[in-house]
Amino acid sequence: MPIYAVSQLARYLKDSLDSDAFLADLWVQGEVSNASHSAAGHWYFTLKDDRAQLRGVMFRNGGGGRFIQNGAKVNAHGRVSFYEARGELQLYVDLVQPEGVGELALKLELLRQKLEREGLFDPSRKRSLPRFPQRVGVATSPSSAAWQDIQNVIRRRFPLVELVLAPCQVQGDAAAATIVEALETLAAEPGLDTVIVARGGGSLEELWPFNEESVARAVFACPVPIISGVGHETDTTICDQVADVRAPTPSAAAELAVPDARELRTQVAAHGQALDDVVAALMERRQRDAQALAARLLHRAPDITAHRLRVDDLLKSARQQLDQTVLLLRERLNGLSFSLGALDPKAVLHRGYAVVQRRDTGAVVTGQAQVAPGDRLHVSVADGAFAAQVE
């Protein structure tokens, strides 16, 4: 028979306990005793009943530490393992709730703790709603009052919005799967600006589909902002905590999804009036500025009276010189005209002279040698012309 070291046996015990599915995920009910809270934030305690006890530890990232008080009766969730260094069997707890809380409430709180650790509730990842959506998707039952309420609110507040319904069940064992399918359908719908997940109020059991992990992850994965309008004011589901915005009712979800057209008209009118007031004040201020500038220009304008007199004198002198020049030019022109008149051939003809030309060549005859008897001539005188022949 082989001999084992203590560490080998301890490791075997730990591996055996860790591989047991029953011990890896269970709730244990008992009374707290020997409770202590370390400086690091970890809780150490004992769970006991009237016949047995079990050492327990919950690290600082666990939930419900406020319920770990000596004498308190609690339900603790966790796993059983073996602490090799001390040789102790321990319950490693991740959530503590008071005894008497129902099974669904325990399951819900456990899922909340898990999703919170993964960051699904982180406010920093939540998106703002678009102010003026054009298409809004709705995941709800088409026969529900929630769907009717959403349509009525949208029609009253902002009828320009197009509603896209993805039908689903909102109650029952199969509801969660249909809600996930509806959200996936809306996620693939082009042009959606916002998605509303809605149903009316009910008990924890009736609202349970909206506490399912699959629904929470479908809400988290949606590419557009989601408004959760599940239940009434006092109801809070996992879907509410994962959604970008929580509304207390389906009607309130519709109001959050779209603006109020009446308020917009009032705002537009107010902005228009404010703009008119601003423009009027600006025009008045500009008019005052222009008047002030005109007054300054008038005050600073130079005295040009002397310059005007000087200009008048110069114009008068220029006019006199121009008239004198024109007179001299006119007299010269008359002299030239007289000279030209004296040289005019017609004036010579009027004094009894004639111009004789050969008819055959048109040449002017200036001497006898240019003609011979019988030559035909053309004679021009002051009042006309006539033919002639040399004899």
Protein backbone atom coordinates (compact mmCIF):
# COMPACT_ATOMS: atom_id res chain seq x y z
CA MET A 1 0.00 0.00 0.00
CA PRO A 2 1.50 3.38 -1.00
CA ILE A 3 2.16 6.09 1.54
CA TYR A 4 1.03 9.65 0.69
CA ALA A 5 2.29 12.96 1.95
CA VAL A 6 -0.15 15.24 3.73
CA SER A 7 0.03 17.76 0.86
CA GLN A 8 -0.79 15.02 -1.65
CA LEU A 9 -3.87 13.99 0.29
CA ALA A 10 -4.89 17.61 0.79
CA ARG A 11 -4.55 18.24 -2.93
CA TYR A 12 -6.61 15.12 -3.67
CA LEU A 13 -9.35 16.26 -1.29
CA LYS A 14 -9.39 19.75 -2.84
CA ASP A 15 -9.51 18.41 -6.42
CA SER A 16 -12.26 15.97 -5.50
CA LEU A 17 -14.40 18.68 -3.90
CA ASP A 18 -13.78 21.18 -6.71
CA SER A 19 -14.85 18.64 -9.37
CA ASP A 20 -18.14 17.88 -7.65
CA ALA A 21 -20.90 19.77 -9.53
CA PHE A 22 -23.22 19.67 -6.53
CA LEU A 23 -20.66 21.31 -4.26
CA ALA A 24 -19.67 23.90 -6.90
CA ASP A 25 -22.99 25.80 -6.87
CA LEU A 26 -25.31 25.54 -3.86
CA TRP A 27 -27.23 27.47 -1.20
CA VAL A 28 -26.65 26.71 2.47
CA GLN A 29 -28.99 27.84 5.25
CA GLY A 30 -27.78 28.36 8.79
CA GLU A 31 -27.09 30.65 11.73
CA VAL A 32 -24.03 32.91 11.70
CA SER A 33 -21.52 32.67 14.55
CA ASN A 34 -17.88 33.65 15.13
CA ALA A 35 -18.23 36.40 12.53
CA SER A 36 -15.25 38.68 11.89
CA HIS A 37 -14.47 41.32 9.29
CA SER A 38 -10.80 41.69 8.29
CA ALA A 39 -9.04 44.93 7.45
CA ALA A 40 -8.83 43.72 3.83
CA GLY A 41 -12.63 43.58 3.69
CA HIS A 42 -13.07 39.79 3.86
CA TRP A 43 -15.66 38.07 6.07
CA TYR A 44 -14.90 34.97 8.16
CA PHE A 45 -17.69 33.17 9.98
CA THR A 46 -19.31 29.85 10.89
CA LEU A 47 -22.65 28.56 9.65
CA LYS A 48 -24.38 26.17 12.00
CA ASP A 49 -27.63 24.48 12.83
CA ASP A 50 -28.57 22.34 15.82
CA ARG A 51 -26.56 19.34 14.54
CA ALA A 52 -23.56 20.62 12.53
CA GLN A 53 -21.42 23.58 11.62
CA LEU A 54 -19.33 24.67 8.62
CA ARG A 55 -16.57 27.26 8.28
CA GLY A 56 -17.31 30.00 5.77
CA VAL A 57 -15.42 32.83 4.08
CA MET A 58 -16.66 35.61 1.81
CA PHE A 59 -14.13 37.85 0.08
CA ARG A 60 -14.70 41.57 -0.19
CA ASN A 61 -16.18 41.38 -3.70
CA GLY A 62 -19.07 39.22 -2.44
CA GLY A 63 -22.58 40.52 -1.90
CA GLY A 64 -24.71 40.86 1.21
CA GLY A 65 -21.92 41.21 3.77
CA ARG A 66 -24.20 43.39 5.91
CA PHE A 67 -26.24 40.28 6.75
CA ILE A 68 -23.25 38.48 8.30
CA GLN A 69 -23.96 39.16 11.97
CA ASN A 70 -23.66 36.76 14.89
CA GLY A 71 -27.00 35.10 15.49
CA ALA A 72 -28.41 36.04 12.08
CA LYS A 73 -30.11 33.29 10.12
CA VAL A 74 -29.06 33.51 6.47
CA ASN A 75 -28.96 31.77 3.13
CA ALA A 76 -25.40 31.68 1.76
CA HIS A 77 -24.54 30.87 -1.85
CA GLY A 78 -21.17 29.54 -2.90
CA ARG A 79 -19.02 26.45 -3.33
CA VAL A 80 -17.43 23.94 -0.97
CA SER A 81 -13.66 23.45 -1.18
CA PHE A 82 -10.67 22.39 0.93
CA TYR A 83 -8.21 24.93 2.32
CA GLU A 84 -4.96 23.00 2.17
CA ALA A 85 -2.86 25.36 4.29
CA ARG A 86 -5.10 24.83 7.36
CA GLY A 87 -6.62 21.51 6.49
CA GLU A 88 -10.11 22.94 6.70
CA LEU A 89 -13.24 22.27 4.70
CA GLN A 90 -14.78 25.67 3.91
CA LEU A 91 -17.78 27.19 2.22
CA TYR A 92 -16.55 29.92 -0.15
CA VAL A 93 -19.48 32.33 -0.24
CA ASP A 94 -20.23 34.93 -2.94
CA LEU A 95 -23.70 36.05 -1.79
CA VAL A 96 -25.53 36.19 1.54
CA GLN A 97 -29.25 36.87 1.95
CA PRO A 98 -31.51 36.80 5.01
CA GLU A 99 -33.34 33.57 5.71
CA GLY A 100 -36.93 33.61 4.45
CA VAL A 101 -36.17 35.18 1.08
CA GLY A 102 -37.85 33.17 -1.66
CA GLU A 103 -35.99 30.99 -4.14
CA LEU A 104 -36.66 33.35 -7.06
CA ALA A 105 -35.43 36.33 -5.07
CA LEU A 106 -32.23 34.45 -4.19
CA LYS A 107 -31.74 33.48 -7.81
CA LEU A 108 -32.38 37.07 -8.88
CA GLU A 109 -29.88 38.51 -6.43
CA LEU A 110 -27.26 35.97 -7.48
CA LEU A 111 -27.69 36.92 -11.14
CA ARG A 112 -27.53 40.61 -10.24
CA GLN A 113 -24.21 40.08 -8.49
CA LYS A 114 -22.83 38.15 -11.48
CA LEU A 115 -23.89 40.71 -14.10
CA GLU A 116 -22.73 43.61 -11.96
CA ARG A 117 -19.26 42.09 -11.71
CA GLU A 118 -19.20 41.76 -15.50
CA GLY A 119 -20.05 45.46 -15.90
CA LEU A 120 -23.52 45.12 -17.47
CA PHE A 121 -24.92 47.69 -15.00
CA ASP A 122 -22.02 50.14 -15.35
CA PRO A 123 -23.47 53.66 -15.77
CA SER A 124 -20.50 54.72 -17.92
CA ARG A 125 -21.56 52.39 -20.75
CA LYS A 126 -25.15 53.62 -20.89
CA ARG A 127 -26.04 55.71 -23.95
CA SER A 128 -28.08 58.88 -24.25
CA LEU A 129 -31.41 58.78 -26.06
CA PRO A 130 -31.66 60.60 -29.41
CA ARG A 131 -33.65 63.82 -29.08
CA PHE A 132 -35.54 63.54 -32.37
CA PRO A 133 -35.88 59.86 -33.31
CA GLN A 134 -37.41 58.88 -36.62
CA ARG A 135 -37.96 55.13 -36.03
CA VAL A 136 -38.59 53.50 -32.66
CA GLY A 137 -38.63 49.74 -32.18
CA VAL A 138 -40.90 48.12 -29.59
CA ALA A 139 -40.54 44.62 -28.14
CA THR A 140 -43.79 43.65 -26.44
CA SER A 141 -46.97 41.66 -26.89
CA PRO A 142 -49.17 43.08 -29.69
CA SER A 143 -52.29 42.28 -27.63
CA SER A 144 -51.07 43.93 -24.45
CA ALA A 145 -52.22 47.18 -22.88
CA ALA A 146 -48.58 48.26 -22.92
CA TRP A 147 -48.56 48.30 -26.73
CA GLN A 148 -51.76 50.32 -26.84
CA ASP A 149 -50.41 52.79 -24.28
CA ILE A 150 -47.18 53.25 -26.24
CA GLN A 151 -49.07 53.92 -29.49
CA ASN A 152 -51.38 56.43 -27.79
CA VAL A 153 -48.51 58.34 -26.19
CA ILE A 154 -46.46 58.47 -29.40
CA ARG A 155 -49.48 59.56 -31.45
CA ARG A 156 -50.21 62.34 -28.97
CA ARG A 157 -46.66 63.57 -28.40
CA PHE A 158 -44.78 63.10 -31.67
CA PRO A 159 -46.78 61.44 -34.47
CA LEU A 160 -43.91 61.83 -36.97
CA VAL A 161 -42.18 58.81 -35.41
CA GLU A 162 -42.55 55.42 -37.10
CA LEU A 163 -43.14 52.54 -34.65
CA VAL A 164 -41.69 49.11 -35.51
CA LEU A 165 -43.22 46.29 -33.47
CA ALA A 166 -41.32 43.05 -32.82
CA PRO A 167 -43.96 40.80 -31.21
CA CYS A 168 -43.00 38.64 -28.25
CA GLN A 169 -44.49 36.94 -25.22
CA VAL A 170 -44.11 38.87 -21.97
CA GLN A 171 -45.11 36.12 -19.52
CA GLY A 172 -44.60 32.39 -19.18
CA ASP A 173 -41.78 29.89 -19.53
CA ALA A 174 -41.21 30.58 -23.25
CA ALA A 175 -41.33 34.37 -22.92
CA ALA A 176 -37.60 34.96 -22.39
CA ALA A 177 -36.68 33.23 -25.65
CA THR A 178 -39.22 35.28 -27.61
CA ILE A 179 -38.01 38.53 -25.99
CA VAL A 180 -34.45 37.70 -27.04
CA GLU A 181 -35.64 36.91 -30.56
CA ALA A 182 -37.57 40.21 -30.75
CA LEU A 183 -34.52 42.19 -29.61
CA GLU A 184 -32.32 40.43 -32.17
CA THR A 185 -34.88 41.25 -34.87
CA LEU A 186 -34.90 44.93 -33.90
CA ALA A 187 -31.11 44.97 -33.73
CA ALA A 188 -31.03 43.91 -37.40
CA GLU A 189 -33.69 46.47 -38.43
CA PRO A 190 -32.06 49.36 -40.35
CA GLY A 191 -32.60 52.94 -39.28
CA LEU A 192 -33.87 52.38 -35.74
CA ASP A 193 -32.97 55.15 -33.29
CA THR A 194 -34.34 53.70 -30.05
CA VAL A 195 -35.83 50.42 -28.76
CA ILE A 196 -38.48 50.07 -26.06
CA VAL A 197 -38.90 46.81 -24.10
CA ALA A 198 -42.25 46.91 -22.30
CA ARG A 199 -44.95 45.11 -20.37
CA GLY A 200 -47.36 46.02 -17.60
CA GLY A 201 -46.96 45.33 -13.90
CA GLY A 202 -47.17 41.98 -12.18
CA SER A 203 -45.73 39.70 -9.54
CA LEU A 204 -42.10 38.60 -9.43
CA GLU A 205 -43.11 35.36 -11.13
CA GLU A 206 -44.97 37.20 -13.91
CA LEU A 207 -42.07 39.57 -14.53
CA TRP A 208 -39.48 36.81 -14.32
CA PRO A 209 -38.75 36.61 -18.11
CA PHE A 210 -37.24 40.10 -17.80
CA ASN A 211 -34.91 38.79 -15.08
CA GLU A 212 -33.48 36.02 -17.24
CA GLU A 213 -29.76 36.20 -18.08
CA SER A 214 -30.43 35.65 -21.79
CA VAL A 215 -32.68 38.72 -21.90
CA ALA A 216 -30.13 40.81 -19.99
CA ARG A 217 -27.40 39.89 -22.47
CA ALA A 218 -29.67 40.61 -25.46
CA VAL A 219 -30.42 44.07 -24.03
CA PHE A 220 -26.70 44.63 -23.44
CA ALA A 221 -25.87 43.62 -27.04
CA CYS A 222 -28.47 45.86 -28.70
CA PRO A 223 -26.68 48.39 -30.99
CA VAL A 224 -29.13 51.24 -30.24
CA PRO A 225 -30.20 52.74 -26.90
CA ILE A 226 -32.85 50.71 -25.05
CA ILE A 227 -35.59 51.99 -22.75
CA SER A 228 -36.95 49.42 -20.30
CA GLY A 229 -40.59 50.04 -19.41
CA VAL A 230 -41.34 46.85 -17.50
CA GLY A 231 -43.89 46.73 -14.68
CA HIS A 232 -44.96 49.65 -12.52
CA GLU A 233 -43.05 52.19 -10.45
CA THR A 234 -42.06 49.78 -7.66
CA ASP A 235 -40.98 46.92 -9.96
CA THR A 236 -37.27 46.64 -10.79
CA THR A 237 -35.96 43.92 -13.09
CA ILE A 238 -32.57 42.90 -14.43
CA CYS A 239 -33.73 44.29 -17.78
CA ASP A 240 -34.23 47.70 -16.13
CA GLN A 241 -30.70 47.67 -14.74
CA VAL A 242 -29.01 46.69 -18.01
CA ALA A 243 -31.05 49.04 -20.22
CA ASP A 244 -29.71 52.48 -21.05
CA VAL A 245 -32.76 54.14 -19.49
CA ARG A 246 -35.37 52.77 -17.07
CA ALA A 247 -38.96 54.01 -17.24
CA PRO A 248 -41.46 53.29 -14.45
CA THR A 249 -44.21 52.25 -16.90
CA PRO A 250 -44.63 51.52 -20.63
CA SER A 251 -46.35 54.90 -21.09
CA ALA A 252 -43.43 56.64 -19.40
CA ALA A 253 -41.05 54.75 -21.70
CA ALA A 254 -42.89 56.16 -24.73
CA GLU A 255 -42.71 59.66 -23.24
CA LEU A 256 -38.96 59.30 -22.77
CA ALA A 257 -38.49 58.01 -26.32
CA VAL A 258 -39.93 61.04 -28.14
CA PRO A 259 -40.22 64.79 -27.56
CA ASP A 260 -43.53 66.55 -27.01
CA ALA A 261 -44.58 68.40 -30.18
CA ARG A 262 -46.53 70.96 -28.13
CA GLU A 263 -43.49 71.77 -26.05
CA LEU A 264 -41.40 72.03 -29.22
CA ARG A 265 -43.85 74.51 -30.74
CA THR A 266 -43.74 76.57 -27.56
CA GLN A 267 -39.94 76.47 -27.54
CA VAL A 268 -39.75 77.45 -31.22
CA ALA A 269 -42.09 80.39 -30.61
CA ALA A 270 -40.04 81.46 -27.59
CA HIS A 271 -36.80 81.18 -29.54
CA GLY A 272 -38.34 83.15 -32.42
CA GLN A 273 -39.43 85.93 -30.08
CA ALA A 274 -36.01 85.94 -28.43
CA LEU A 275 -34.38 86.15 -31.85
CA ASP A 276 -36.63 89.06 -32.83
CA ASP A 277 -35.69 90.84 -29.60
CA VAL A 278 -32.00 90.25 -30.21
CA VAL A 279 -32.20 91.50 -33.81
CA ALA A 280 -34.21 94.58 -32.76
CA ALA A 281 -31.72 95.41 -30.02
CA LEU A 282 -28.83 94.88 -32.42
CA MET A 283 -30.41 97.12 -35.06
CA GLU A 284 -31.06 99.83 -32.47
CA ARG A 285 -27.49 99.63 -31.24
CA ARG A 286 -26.12 99.75 -34.80
CA GLN A 287 -28.33 102.76 -35.57
CA ARG A 288 -27.01 104.61 -32.52
CA ASP A 289 -23.46 103.73 -33.53
CA ALA A 290 -24.05 105.03 -37.08
CA GLN A 291 -25.52 108.27 -35.78
CA ALA A 292 -22.55 108.75 -33.44
CA LEU A 293 -20.10 108.11 -36.27
CA ALA A 294 -21.93 110.56 -38.53
CA ALA A 295 -21.76 113.22 -35.81
CA ARG A 296 -18.04 112.59 -35.36
CA LEU A 297 -17.45 112.85 -39.11
CA LEU A 298 -19.40 116.10 -39.28
CA HIS A 299 -17.44 117.50 -36.34
CA ARG A 300 -14.11 116.52 -37.83
CA ALA A 301 -14.89 117.64 -41.42
CA PRO A 302 -12.37 120.32 -42.66
CA ASP A 303 -13.47 123.91 -43.57
CA ILE A 304 -13.44 123.92 -47.37
CA THR A 305 -15.00 127.36 -47.94
CA ALA A 306 -11.68 128.94 -48.98
CA HIS A 307 -10.97 126.01 -51.25
CA ARG A 308 -14.34 126.42 -52.89
CA LEU A 309 -13.62 130.12 -53.58
CA ARG A 310 -10.23 129.20 -54.97
CA VAL A 311 -11.82 126.59 -57.22
CA ASP A 312 -14.38 129.15 -58.45
CA ASP A 313 -11.57 131.58 -59.27
CA LEU A 314 -9.62 128.94 -61.12
CA LEU A 315 -12.69 127.90 -63.09
CA LYS A 316 -13.42 131.55 -64.02
CA SER A 317 -9.81 132.09 -65.13
CA ALA A 318 -9.79 128.87 -67.10
CA ARG A 319 -13.06 129.84 -68.80
CA GLN A 320 -11.63 133.25 -69.83
CA GLN A 321 -8.49 131.68 -71.18
CA LEU A 322 -10.53 129.13 -73.07
CA ASP A 323 -12.75 131.81 -74.60
CA GLN A 324 -9.65 133.79 -75.69
CA THR A 325 -8.08 130.72 -77.23
CA VAL A 326 -11.27 129.85 -79.10
CA LEU A 327 -11.49 133.43 -80.47
CA LEU A 328 -7.91 133.35 -81.75
CA LEU A 329 -8.45 129.96 -83.36
CA ARG A 330 -11.66 131.16 -85.01
CA GLU A 331 -9.87 134.20 -86.53
CA ARG A 332 -7.07 132.01 -87.80
CA LEU A 333 -9.60 129.65 -89.29
CA ASN A 334 -11.31 132.49 -91.08
CA GLY A 335 -7.95 133.60 -92.55
CA LEU A 336 -7.17 130.13 -93.76
CA SER A 337 -10.64 129.83 -95.23
CA PHE A 338 -10.12 133.09 -97.16
CA SER A 339 -6.76 131.89 -98.45
CA LEU A 340 -8.26 128.61 -99.57
CA GLY A 341 -11.09 130.44 -101.28
CA ALA A 342 -8.60 132.48 -103.24
CA LEU A 343 -6.89 129.35 -104.44
CA ASP A 344 -10.11 127.67 -105.45
CA PRO A 345 -9.98 126.82 -109.21
CA LYS A 346 -13.62 127.80 -109.56
CA ALA A 347 -12.82 131.29 -108.41
CA VAL A 348 -10.27 131.55 -111.27
CA LEU A 349 -12.91 130.40 -113.74
CA HIS A 350 -15.25 133.14 -112.52
CA ARG A 351 -12.63 135.66 -113.57
CA GLY A 352 -12.95 134.54 -117.25
CA TYR A 353 -10.45 131.75 -117.42
CA ALA A 354 -11.20 128.24 -118.77
CA VAL A 355 -9.73 124.77 -118.40
CA VAL A 356 -9.04 122.99 -121.71
CA GLN A 357 -8.62 119.21 -121.79
CA ARG A 358 -8.04 116.72 -124.58
CA ARG A 359 -11.12 114.57 -124.95
CA ASP A 360 -9.22 111.51 -125.93
CA THR A 361 -6.83 111.52 -122.97
CA GLY A 362 -8.31 113.99 -120.49
CA ALA A 363 -4.95 115.78 -120.28
CA VAL A 364 -5.05 119.51 -119.50
CA VAL A 365 -3.85 121.59 -122.48
CA THR A 366 -1.33 124.20 -121.35
CA GLY A 367 0.37 124.92 -124.70
CA GLN A 368 -0.22 124.92 -128.48
CA ALA A 369 2.20 122.10 -129.04
CA GLN A 370 -0.20 119.76 -127.27
CA VAL A 371 -2.90 120.03 -129.95
CA ALA A 372 -3.22 119.81 -133.72
CA PRO A 373 -5.98 120.76 -136.12
CA GLY A 374 -8.94 118.45 -135.80
CA ASP A 375 -8.25 117.52 -132.17
CA ARG A 376 -11.40 117.46 -130.11
CA LEU A 377 -11.30 119.33 -126.82
CA HIS A 378 -13.35 119.71 -123.62
CA VAL A 379 -13.59 123.27 -122.27
CA SER A 380 -14.70 123.98 -118.64
CA VAL A 381 -15.90 127.50 -117.72
CA ALA A 382 -17.43 128.98 -114.54
CA ASP A 383 -21.03 127.97 -115.24
CA GLY A 384 -20.44 124.69 -117.13
CA ALA A 385 -18.53 123.04 -119.98
CA PHE A 386 -18.72 122.64 -123.80
CA ALA A 387 -16.93 120.77 -126.65
CA ALA A 388 -14.55 122.34 -129.11
CA GLN A 389 -12.38 121.36 -132.09
CA VAL A 390 -9.04 122.74 -133.11
CA GLU A 391 -9.00 124.32 -136.66
